[in-house]
PDB file of N, CA and C in Angstrom:
ATOM      1  N   MET A   1     118.586  94.049  57.957  1.00  0.00           N
ATOM      2  CA  MET A   1     117.218  93.714  57.621  1.00  0.00           C
ATOM      3  C   MET A   1     116.897  92.343  58.208  1.00  0.00           C
ATOM      4  N   LYS A   2     115.701  92.240  58.787  1.00  0.00           N
ATOM      5  CA  LYS A   2     115.285  90.970  59.379  1.00  0.00           C
ATOM      6  C   LYS A   2     115.111  89.909  58.321  1.00  0.00           C
ATOM      7  N   PRO A   3     115.402  88.667  58.666  1.00  0.00           N
ATOM      8  CA  PRO A   3     115.087  87.591  57.662  1.00  0.00           C
ATOM      9  C   PRO A   3     113.596  87.463  57.489  1.00  0.00           C
ATOM     10  N   GLY A   4     113.161  87.340  56.249  1.00  0.00           N
ATOM     11  CA  GLY A   4     111.791  87.261  55.965  1.00  0.00           C
ATOM     12  C   GLY A   4     111.095  88.573  55.714  1.00  0.00           C
ATOM     13  N   THR A   5     111.854  89.681  55.765  1.00  0.00           N
ATOM     14  CA  THR A   5     111.283  90.988  55.471  1.00  0.00           C
ATOM     15  C   THR A   5     111.053  91.077  53.961  1.00  0.00           C
ATOM     16  N   LEU A   6     109.890  91.495  53.574  1.00  0.00           N
ATOM     17  CA  LEU A   6     109.531  91.593  52.177  1.00  0.00           C
ATOM     18  C   LEU A   6     109.859  92.990  51.672  1.00  0.00           C
ATOM     19  N   VAL A   7     110.564  93.057  50.506  1.00  0.00           N
ATOM     20  CA  VAL A   7     110.976  94.315  49.955  1.00  0.00           C
ATOM     21  C   VAL A   7     110.450  94.419  48.534  1.00  0.00           C
ATOM     22  N   PHE A   8     109.763  95.504  48.236  1.00  0.00           N
ATOM     23  CA  PHE A   8     109.352  95.831  46.888  1.00  0.00           C
ATOM     24  C   PHE A   8     110.166  96.958  46.367  1.00  0.00           C
ATOM     25  N   GLN A   9     110.356  97.050  45.058  1.00  0.00           N
ATOM     26  CA  GLN A   9     111.105  98.145  44.466  1.00  0.00           C
ATOM     27  C   GLN A   9     110.229  98.838  43.435  1.00  0.00           C
ATOM     28  N   ILE A  10     110.272 100.176  43.446  1.00  0.00           N
ATOM     29  CA  ILE A  10     109.562 100.971  42.409  1.00  0.00           C
ATOM     30  C   ILE A  10     110.599 101.634  41.575  1.00  0.00           C
ATOM     31  N   GLY A  11     110.566 101.427  40.294  1.00  0.00           N
ATOM     32  CA  GLY A  11     111.587 101.925  39.382  1.00  0.00           C
ATOM     33  C   GLY A  11     110.997 103.081  38.549  1.00  0.00           C
ATOM     34  N   LYS A  12     111.581 103.209  37.344  1.00  0.00           N
ATOM     35  CA  LYS A  12     111.222 104.315  36.464  1.00  0.00           C
ATOM     36  C   LYS A  12     109.794 104.276  35.916  1.00  0.00           C
ATOM     37  N   ASN A  13     109.165 103.128  35.947  1.00  0.00           N
ATOM     38  CA  ASN A  13     107.727 103.027  35.523  1.00  0.00           C
ATOM     39  C   ASN A  13     106.828 103.587  36.581  1.00  0.00           C
ATOM     40  N   GLY A  14     107.297 103.774  37.771  1.00  0.00           N
ATOM     41  CA  GLY A  14     106.484 104.341  38.854  1.00  0.00           C
ATOM     42  C   GLY A  14     105.536 103.326  39.478  1.00  0.00           C
ATOM     43  N   LEU A  15     104.509 103.830  40.047  1.00  0.00           N
ATOM     44  CA  LEU A  15     103.514 103.031  40.764  1.00  0.00           C
ATOM     45  C   LEU A  15     102.460 102.492  39.753  1.00  0.00           C
ATOM     46  N   THR A  16     102.413 101.171  39.618  1.00  0.00           N
ATOM     47  CA  THR A  16     101.511 100.572  38.635  1.00  0.00           C
ATOM     48  C   THR A  16     100.402  99.822  39.377  1.00  0.00           C
ATOM     49  N   GLN A  17      99.330  99.494  38.669  1.00  0.00           N
ATOM     50  CA  GLN A  17      98.220  98.775  39.273  1.00  0.00           C
ATOM     51  C   GLN A  17      98.651  97.380  39.695  1.00  0.00           C
ATOM     52  N   THR A  18      99.498  96.706  38.901  1.00  0.00           N
ATOM     53  CA  THR A  18      99.923  95.365  39.303  1.00  0.00           C
ATOM     54  C   THR A  18     100.794  95.391  40.533  1.00  0.00           C
ATOM     55  N   GLY A  19     101.572  96.461  40.668  1.00  0.00           N
ATOM     56  CA  GLY A  19     102.407  96.622  41.869  1.00  0.00           C
ATOM     57  C   GLY A  19     101.526  96.778  43.119  1.00  0.00           C
ATOM     58  N   ILE A  20     100.456  97.534  42.976  1.00  0.00           N
ATOM     59  CA  ILE A  20      99.534  97.686  44.111  1.00  0.00           C
ATOM     60  C   ILE A  20      98.841  96.393  44.463  1.00  0.00           C
ATOM     61  N   GLU A  21      98.470  95.626  43.427  1.00  0.00           N
ATOM     62  CA  GLU A  21      97.836  94.313  43.673  1.00  0.00           C
ATOM     63  C   GLU A  21      98.760  93.374  44.373  1.00  0.00           C
ATOM     64  N   HIS A  22     100.066  93.385  44.003  1.00  0.00           N
ATOM     65  CA  HIS A  22     101.040  92.514  44.655  1.00  0.00           C
ATOM     66  C   HIS A  22     101.236  92.926  46.125  1.00  0.00           C
ATOM     67  N   LEU A  23     101.247  94.254  46.356  1.00  0.00           N
ATOM     68  CA  LEU A  23     101.381  94.714  47.757  1.00  0.00           C
ATOM     69  C   LEU A  23     100.189  94.299  48.582  1.00  0.00           C
ATOM     70  N   ALA A  24      98.982  94.455  47.990  1.00  0.00           N
ATOM     71  CA  ALA A  24      97.762  94.109  48.740  1.00  0.00           C
ATOM     72  C   ALA A  24      97.754  92.618  49.076  1.00  0.00           C
ATOM     73  N   SER A  25      98.177  91.761  48.139  1.00  0.00           N
ATOM     74  CA  SER A  25      98.164  90.329  48.455  1.00  0.00           C
ATOM     75  C   SER A  25      99.288  89.978  49.430  1.00  0.00           C
ATOM     76  N   ALA A  26     100.398  90.712  49.404  1.00  0.00           N
ATOM     77  CA  ALA A  26     101.487  90.444  50.369  1.00  0.00           C
ATOM     78  C   ALA A  26     101.044  90.834  51.792  1.00  0.00           C
ATOM     79  N   PHE A  27     100.214  91.819  51.958  1.00  0.00           N
ATOM     80  CA  PHE A  27      99.753  92.218  53.288  1.00  0.00           C
ATOM     81  C   PHE A  27      98.779  91.209  53.845  1.00  0.00           C
ATOM     82  N   GLY A  28      98.360  90.217  53.074  1.00  0.00           N
ATOM     83  CA  GLY A  28      97.542  89.126  53.623  1.00  0.00           C
ATOM     84  C   GLY A  28      98.313  88.288  54.615  1.00  0.00           C
ATOM     85  N   LYS A  29      99.623  88.233  54.478  1.00  0.00           N
ATOM     86  CA  LYS A  29     100.408  87.407  55.370  1.00  0.00           C
ATOM     87  C   LYS A  29     101.428  88.183  56.238  1.00  0.00           C
ATOM     88  N   ARG A  30     101.620  89.463  55.889  1.00  0.00           N
ATOM     89  CA  ARG A  30     102.580  90.259  56.606  1.00  0.00           C
ATOM     90  C   ARG A  30     101.981  91.559  57.152  1.00  0.00           C
ATOM     91  N   LYS A  31     102.642  92.128  58.145  1.00  0.00           N
ATOM     92  CA  LYS A  31     102.169  93.375  58.722  1.00  0.00           C
ATOM     93  C   LYS A  31     103.049  94.560  58.288  1.00  0.00           C
ATOM     94  N   VAL A  32     104.299  94.268  57.909  1.00  0.00           N
ATOM     95  CA  VAL A  32     105.262  95.305  57.548  1.00  0.00           C
ATOM     96  C   VAL A  32     105.917  94.932  56.233  1.00  0.00           C
ATOM     97  N   ILE A  33     105.976  95.887  55.306  1.00  0.00           N
ATOM     98  CA  ILE A  33     106.597  95.690  54.018  1.00  0.00           C
ATOM     99  C   ILE A  33     107.417  96.950  53.691  1.00  0.00           C
ATOM    100  N   LYS A  34     108.603  96.768  53.142  1.00  0.00           N
ATOM    101  CA  LYS A  34     109.455  97.891  52.744  1.00  0.00           C
ATOM    102  C   LYS A  34     109.299  98.064  51.284  1.00  0.00           C
ATOM    103  N   VAL A  35     109.164  99.338  50.854  1.00  0.00           N
ATOM    104  CA  VAL A  35     109.090  99.671  49.429  1.00  0.00           C
ATOM    105  C   VAL A  35     110.278 100.620  49.147  1.00  0.00           C
ATOM    106  N   GLN A  36     111.228 100.127  48.341  1.00  0.00           N
ATOM    107  CA  GLN A  36     112.387 100.935  48.002  1.00  0.00           C
ATOM    108  C   GLN A  36     112.109 101.666  46.692  1.00  0.00           C
ATOM    109  N   LEU A  37     112.408 102.943  46.701  1.00  0.00           N
ATOM    110  CA  LEU A  37     112.279 103.770  45.492  1.00  0.00           C
ATOM    111  C   LEU A  37     113.613 103.938  44.858  1.00  0.00           C
ATOM    112  N   LEU A  38     113.754 103.466  43.660  1.00  0.00           N
ATOM    113  CA  LEU A  38     115.011 103.631  42.959  1.00  0.00           C
ATOM    114  C   LEU A  38     115.194 105.080  42.520  1.00  0.00           C
ATOM    115  N   LYS A  39     116.408 105.494  42.373  1.00  0.00           N
ATOM    116  CA  LYS A  39     116.674 106.905  42.050  1.00  0.00           C
ATOM    117  C   LYS A  39     116.169 107.254  40.654  1.00  0.00           C
ATOM    118  N   SER A  40     115.919 106.253  39.807  1.00  0.00           N
ATOM    119  CA  SER A  40     115.330 106.544  38.498  1.00  0.00           C
ATOM    120  C   SER A  40     113.826 106.838  38.653  1.00  0.00           C
ATOM    121  N   ALA A  41     113.230 106.455  39.765  1.00  0.00           N
ATOM    122  CA  ALA A  41     111.795 106.721  39.981  1.00  0.00           C
ATOM    123  C   ALA A  41     111.555 108.080  40.548  1.00  0.00           C
ATOM    124  N   VAL A  42     112.435 108.515  41.449  1.00  0.00           N
ATOM    125  CA  VAL A  42     112.246 109.839  42.083  1.00  0.00           C
ATOM    126  C   VAL A  42     113.574 110.570  42.182  1.00  0.00           C
ATOM    127  N   SER A  43     113.518 111.833  41.928  1.00  0.00           N
ATOM    128  CA  SER A  43     114.737 112.629  42.058  1.00  0.00           C
ATOM    129  C   SER A  43     114.609 113.614  43.221  1.00  0.00           C
ATOM    130  N   ASP A  44     113.413 113.788  43.713  1.00  0.00           N
ATOM    131  CA  ASP A  44     113.145 114.753  44.790  1.00  0.00           C
ATOM    132  C   ASP A  44     112.515 114.041  45.965  1.00  0.00           C
ATOM    133  N   ARG A  45     112.940 114.379  47.138  1.00  0.00           N
ATOM    134  CA  ARG A  45     112.415 113.691  48.327  1.00  0.00           C
ATOM    135  C   ARG A  45     110.993 114.045  48.634  1.00  0.00           C
ATOM    136  N   LYS A  46     110.500 115.155  48.136  1.00  0.00           N
ATOM    137  CA  LYS A  46     109.086 115.549  48.337  1.00  0.00           C
ATOM    138  C   LYS A  46     108.179 114.587  47.593  1.00  0.00           C
ATOM    139  N   LYS A  47     108.658 114.059  46.475  1.00  0.00           N
ATOM    140  CA  LYS A  47     107.849 113.124  45.683  1.00  0.00           C
ATOM    141  C   LYS A  47     107.689 111.785  46.401  1.00  0.00           C
ATOM    142  N   ILE A  48     108.607 111.456  47.277  1.00  0.00           N
ATOM    143  CA  ILE A  48     108.546 110.205  48.020  1.00  0.00           C
ATOM    144  C   ILE A  48     107.290 110.216  48.930  1.00  0.00           C
ATOM    145  N   ASP A  49     107.036 111.359  49.562  1.00  0.00           N
ATOM    146  CA  ASP A  49     105.829 111.481  50.412  1.00  0.00           C
ATOM    147  C   ASP A  49     104.573 111.363  49.580  1.00  0.00           C
ATOM    148  N   GLU A  50     104.554 111.965  48.383  1.00  0.00           N
ATOM    149  CA  GLU A  50     103.412 111.845  47.490  1.00  0.00           C
ATOM    150  C   GLU A  50     103.162 110.389  47.059  1.00  0.00           C
ATOM    151  N   ILE A  51     104.223 109.664  46.747  1.00  0.00           N
ATOM    152  CA  ILE A  51     104.081 108.268  46.367  1.00  0.00           C
ATOM    153  C   ILE A  51     103.564 107.447  47.587  1.00  0.00           C
ATOM    154  N   ALA A  52     104.041 107.747  48.769  1.00  0.00           N
ATOM    155  CA  ALA A  52     103.582 107.024  49.961  1.00  0.00           C
ATOM    156  C   ALA A  52     102.104 107.295  50.164  1.00  0.00           C
ATOM    157  N   GLN A  53     101.637 108.540  50.009  1.00  0.00           N
ATOM    158  CA  GLN A  53     100.238 108.815  50.161  1.00  0.00           C
ATOM    159  C   GLN A  53      99.392 108.113  49.078  1.00  0.00           C
ATOM    160  N   LYS A  54      99.866 108.032  47.862  1.00  0.00           N
ATOM    161  CA  LYS A  54      99.129 107.322  46.788  1.00  0.00           C
ATOM    162  C   LYS A  54      99.053 105.809  47.181  1.00  0.00           C
ATOM    163  N   LEU A  55     100.097 105.248  47.702  1.00  0.00           N
ATOM    164  CA  LEU A  55     100.067 103.863  48.133  1.00  0.00           C
ATOM    165  C   LEU A  55      99.005 103.611  49.170  1.00  0.00           C
ATOM    166  N   ILE A  56      98.996 104.496  50.180  1.00  0.00           N
ATOM    167  CA  ILE A  56      98.023 104.334  51.261  1.00  0.00           C
ATOM    168  C   ILE A  56      96.593 104.478  50.750  1.00  0.00           C
ATOM    169  N   ASP A  57      96.390 105.420  49.833  1.00  0.00           N
ATOM    170  CA  ASP A  57      95.051 105.641  49.307  1.00  0.00           C
ATOM    171  C   ASP A  57      94.532 104.481  48.460  1.00  0.00           C
ATOM    172  N   LYS A  58      95.456 103.851  47.702  1.00  0.00           N
ATOM    173  CA  LYS A  58      95.024 102.823  46.760  1.00  0.00           C
ATOM    174  C   LYS A  58      94.980 101.419  47.371  1.00  0.00           C
ATOM    175  N   LEU A  59      95.654 101.208  48.478  1.00  0.00           N
ATOM    176  CA  LEU A  59      95.633  99.909  49.114  1.00  0.00           C
ATOM    177  C   LEU A  59      94.335  99.731  49.929  1.00  0.00           C
ATOM    178  N   PRO A  60      93.750  98.538  49.903  1.00  0.00           N
ATOM    179  CA  PRO A  60      92.575  98.314  50.713  1.00  0.00           C
ATOM    180  C   PRO A  60      92.939  98.164  52.183  1.00  0.00           C
ATOM    181  N   GLY A  61      92.177  98.794  53.063  1.00  0.00           N
ATOM    182  CA  GLY A  61      92.481  98.676  54.471  1.00  0.00           C
ATOM    183  C   GLY A  61      93.138  99.972  54.975  1.00  0.00           C
ATOM    184  N   LYS A  62      93.645  99.903  56.205  1.00  0.00           N
ATOM    185  CA  LYS A  62      94.245 101.087  56.843  1.00  0.00           C
ATOM    186  C   LYS A  62      95.715 100.824  57.086  1.00  0.00           C
ATOM    187  N   TYR A  63      96.546 101.767  56.706  1.00  0.00           N
ATOM    188  CA  TYR A  63      97.985 101.599  56.818  1.00  0.00           C
ATOM    189  C   TYR A  63      98.619 102.876  57.356  1.00  0.00           C
ATOM    190  N   ASN A  64      99.785 102.713  57.969  1.00  0.00           N
ATOM    191  CA  ASN A  64     100.635 103.812  58.349  1.00  0.00           C
ATOM    192  C   ASN A  64     101.922 103.632  57.527  1.00  0.00           C
ATOM    193  N   TYR A  65     102.667 104.723  57.444  1.00  0.00           N
ATOM    194  CA  TYR A  65     103.954 104.620  56.727  1.00  0.00           C
ATOM    195  C   TYR A  65     104.995 105.491  57.397  1.00  0.00           C
ATOM    196  N   ARG A  66     106.238 105.129  57.111  1.00  0.00           N
ATOM    197  CA  ARG A  66     107.398 105.914  57.587  1.00  0.00           C
ATOM    198  C   ARG A  66     108.386 105.957  56.475  1.00  0.00           C
ATOM    199  N   ILE A  67     109.021 107.111  56.270  1.00  0.00           N
ATOM    200  CA  ILE A  67     109.994 107.268  55.226  1.00  0.00           C
ATOM    201  C   ILE A  67     111.366 107.380  55.807  1.00  0.00           C
ATOM    202  N   ILE A  68     112.265 106.538  55.343  1.00  0.00           N
ATOM    203  CA  ILE A  68     113.661 106.590  55.760  1.00  0.00           C
ATOM    204  C   ILE A  68     114.495 106.574  54.465  1.00  0.00           C
ATOM    205  N   GLY A  69     115.070 107.693  54.147  1.00  0.00           N
ATOM    206  CA  GLY A  69     115.851 107.812  52.914  1.00  0.00           C
ATOM    207  C   GLY A  69     114.951 107.628  51.706  1.00  0.00           C
ATOM    208  N   PHE A  70     115.280 106.680  50.863  1.00  0.00           N
ATOM    209  CA  PHE A  70     114.459 106.371  49.701  1.00  0.00           C
ATOM    210  C   PHE A  70     113.598 105.115  49.912  1.00  0.00           C
ATOM    211  N   THR A  71     113.344 104.809  51.176  1.00  0.00           N
ATOM    212  CA  THR A  71     112.566 103.626  51.521  1.00  0.00           C
ATOM    213  C   THR A  71     111.285 104.028  52.241  1.00  0.00           C
ATOM    214  N   ILE A  72     110.166 103.462  51.803  1.00  0.00           N
ATOM    215  CA  ILE A  72     108.889 103.677  52.514  1.00  0.00           C
ATOM    216  C   ILE A  72     108.595 102.356  53.258  1.00  0.00           C
ATOM    217  N   ILE A  73     108.389 102.482  54.555  1.00  0.00           N
ATOM    218  CA  ILE A  73     108.025 101.292  55.347  1.00  0.00           C
ATOM    219  C   ILE A  73     106.510 101.364  55.599  1.00  0.00           C
ATOM    220  N   LEU A  74     105.793 100.426  55.023  1.00  0.00           N
ATOM    221  CA  LEU A  74     104.351 100.362  55.177  1.00  0.00           C
ATOM    222  C   LEU A  74     103.991  99.402  56.303  1.00  0.00           C
ATOM    223  N   MET A  75     103.112  99.847  57.220  1.00  0.00           N
ATOM    224  CA  MET A  75     102.706  99.039  58.343  1.00  0.00           C
ATOM    225  C   MET A  75     101.162  98.977  58.351  1.00  0.00           C
ATOM    226  N   LYS A  76     100.660  97.756  58.462  1.00  0.00           N
ATOM    227  CA  LYS A  76      99.201  97.572  58.474  1.00  0.00           C
ATOM    228  C   LYS A  76      98.695  97.900  59.855  1.00  0.00           C
ATOM    229  N   ARG A  77      97.656  98.727  59.944  1.00  0.00           N
ATOM    230  CA  ARG A  77      97.067  99.054  61.234  1.00  0.00           C
ATOM    231  C   ARG A  77      96.161  97.895  61.683  1.00  0.00           C
ATOM    232  N   VAL A  78      96.285  97.580  62.918  1.00  0.00           N
ATOM    233  CA  VAL A  78      95.472  96.481  63.499  1.00  0.00           C
ATOM    234  C   VAL A  78      94.550  97.084  64.504  1.00  0.00           C
ATOM    235  N   GLY A  79      93.320  96.691  64.416  1.00  0.00           N
ATOM    236  CA  GLY A  79      92.283  97.206  65.377  1.00  0.00           C
ATOM    237  C   GLY A  79      92.470  96.653  66.751  1.00  0.00           C
ATOM    238  N   PRO A  80      91.734  97.171  67.710  1.00  0.00           N
ATOM    239  CA  PRO A  80      91.876  96.687  69.073  1.00  0.00           C
ATOM    240  C   PRO A  80      91.359  95.249  69.201  1.00  0.00           C
ATOM    241  N   LYS A  81      92.037  94.499  70.049  1.00  0.00           N
ATOM    242  CA  LYS A  81      91.687  93.117  70.240  1.00  0.00           C
ATOM    243  C   LYS A  81      90.484  93.012  71.190  1.00  0.00           C
ATOM    244  N   LYS A  82      89.605  92.089  70.849  1.00  0.00           N
ATOM    245  CA  LYS A  82      88.465  91.850  71.719  1.00  0.00           C
ATOM    246  C   LYS A  82      88.859  90.811  72.756  1.00  0.00           C
ATOM    247  N   HIS A  83      88.630  91.132  74.032  1.00  0.00           N
ATOM    248  CA  HIS A  83      89.042  90.234  75.103  1.00  0.00           C
ATOM    249  C   HIS A  83      88.086  89.078  75.271  1.00  0.00           C
ATOM    250  N   GLN A  84      86.800  89.375  75.232  1.00  0.00           N
ATOM    251  CA  GLN A  84      85.825  88.309  75.394  1.00  0.00           C
ATOM    252  C   GLN A  84      84.646  88.544  74.433  1.00  0.00           C
ATOM    253  N   LYS A  85      83.851  87.556  74.324  1.00  0.00           N
ATOM    254  CA  LYS A  85      82.645  87.693  73.474  1.00  0.00           C
ATOM    255  C   LYS A  85      81.694  88.702  74.105  1.00  0.00           C
ATOM    256  N   ASN A  86      80.798  89.250  73.288  1.00  0.00           N
ATOM    257  CA  ASN A  86      79.761  90.192  73.682  1.00  0.00           C
ATOM    258  C   ASN A  86      80.283  91.478  74.271  1.00  0.00           C
ATOM    259  N   ASN A  87      81.532  91.826  73.959  1.00  0.00           N
ATOM    260  CA  ASN A  87      82.185  93.077  74.362  1.00  0.00           C
ATOM    261  C   ASN A  87      82.151  93.262  75.862  1.00  0.00           C
ATOM    262  N   VAL A  88      82.264  92.184  76.636  1.00  0.00           N
ATOM    263  CA  VAL A  88      82.322  92.264  78.093  1.00  0.00           C
ATOM    264  C   VAL A  88      83.768  92.601  78.421  1.00  0.00           C
ATOM    265  N   PRO A  89      84.010  93.649  79.241  1.00  0.00           N
ATOM    266  CA  PRO A  89      85.385  94.036  79.585  1.00  0.00           C
ATOM    267  C   PRO A  89      86.064  92.930  80.391  1.00  0.00           C
ATOM    268  N   PRO A  90      87.401  92.844  80.286  1.00  0.00           N
ATOM    269  CA  PRO A  90      88.120  91.798  81.049  1.00  0.00           C
ATOM    270  C   PRO A  90      88.034  92.042  82.535  1.00  0.00           C
ATOM    271  N   ARG A  91      88.190  91.003  83.329  1.00  0.00           N
ATOM    272  CA  ARG A  91      88.116  91.142  84.757  1.00  0.00           C
ATOM    273  C   ARG A  91      89.328  91.917  85.289  1.00  0.00           C
ATOM    274  N   THR A  92      89.077  92.666  86.342  1.00  0.00           N
ATOM    275  CA  THR A  92      90.145  93.379  87.005  1.00  0.00           C
ATOM    276  C   THR A  92      90.093  93.058  88.497  1.00  0.00           C
ATOM    277  N   LYS A  93      91.189  93.075  89.122  1.00  0.00           N
ATOM    278  CA  LYS A  93      91.255  92.782  90.536  1.00  0.00           C
ATOM    279  C   LYS A  93      90.924  94.080  91.293  1.00  0.00           C
ATOM    280  N   ASP A  94      90.133  93.898  92.376  1.00  0.00           N
ATOM    281  CA  ASP A  94      89.821  95.060  93.218  1.00  0.00           C
ATOM    282  C   ASP A  94      90.939  95.234  94.223  1.00  0.00           C
ATOM    283  N   PHE A  95      91.468  96.431  94.244  1.00  0.00           N
ATOM    284  CA  PHE A  95      92.575  96.735  95.165  1.00  0.00           C
ATOM    285  C   PHE A  95      92.041  97.599  96.262  1.00  0.00           C
ATOM    286  N   LYS A  96      92.422  97.268  97.498  1.00  0.00           N
ATOM    287  CA  LYS A  96      91.987  98.057  98.678  1.00  0.00           C
ATOM    288  C   LYS A  96      93.215  98.815  99.179  1.00  0.00           C
ATOM    289  N   LEU A  97      92.948 100.073  99.499  1.00  0.00           N
ATOM    290  CA  LEU A  97      94.041 100.921 100.046  1.00  0.00           C
ATOM    291  C   LEU A  97      94.046 100.989 101.517  1.00  0.00           C
TER     292      LEU A  97
END
């Protein structure tokens, strides 16, 4: 695990509103957060996907996720970067053949 990687754990109480609020505030400074599901929280791997979908739906903004074992990796989607003001496309060099 990279130094500085933020890890949340979801236990037998499941997904709570305060947990979602902490995740939302943590995404203010980070783009990737790992959410570990303890075995007391889920016994079936199908439920992991349901919990990931609930997280995505309840968090403000747009996110992607990936499931590895009992860990959900949440990634914040970033929109396209604007190159210049007034949506002027960046300069390109003309190539002659």
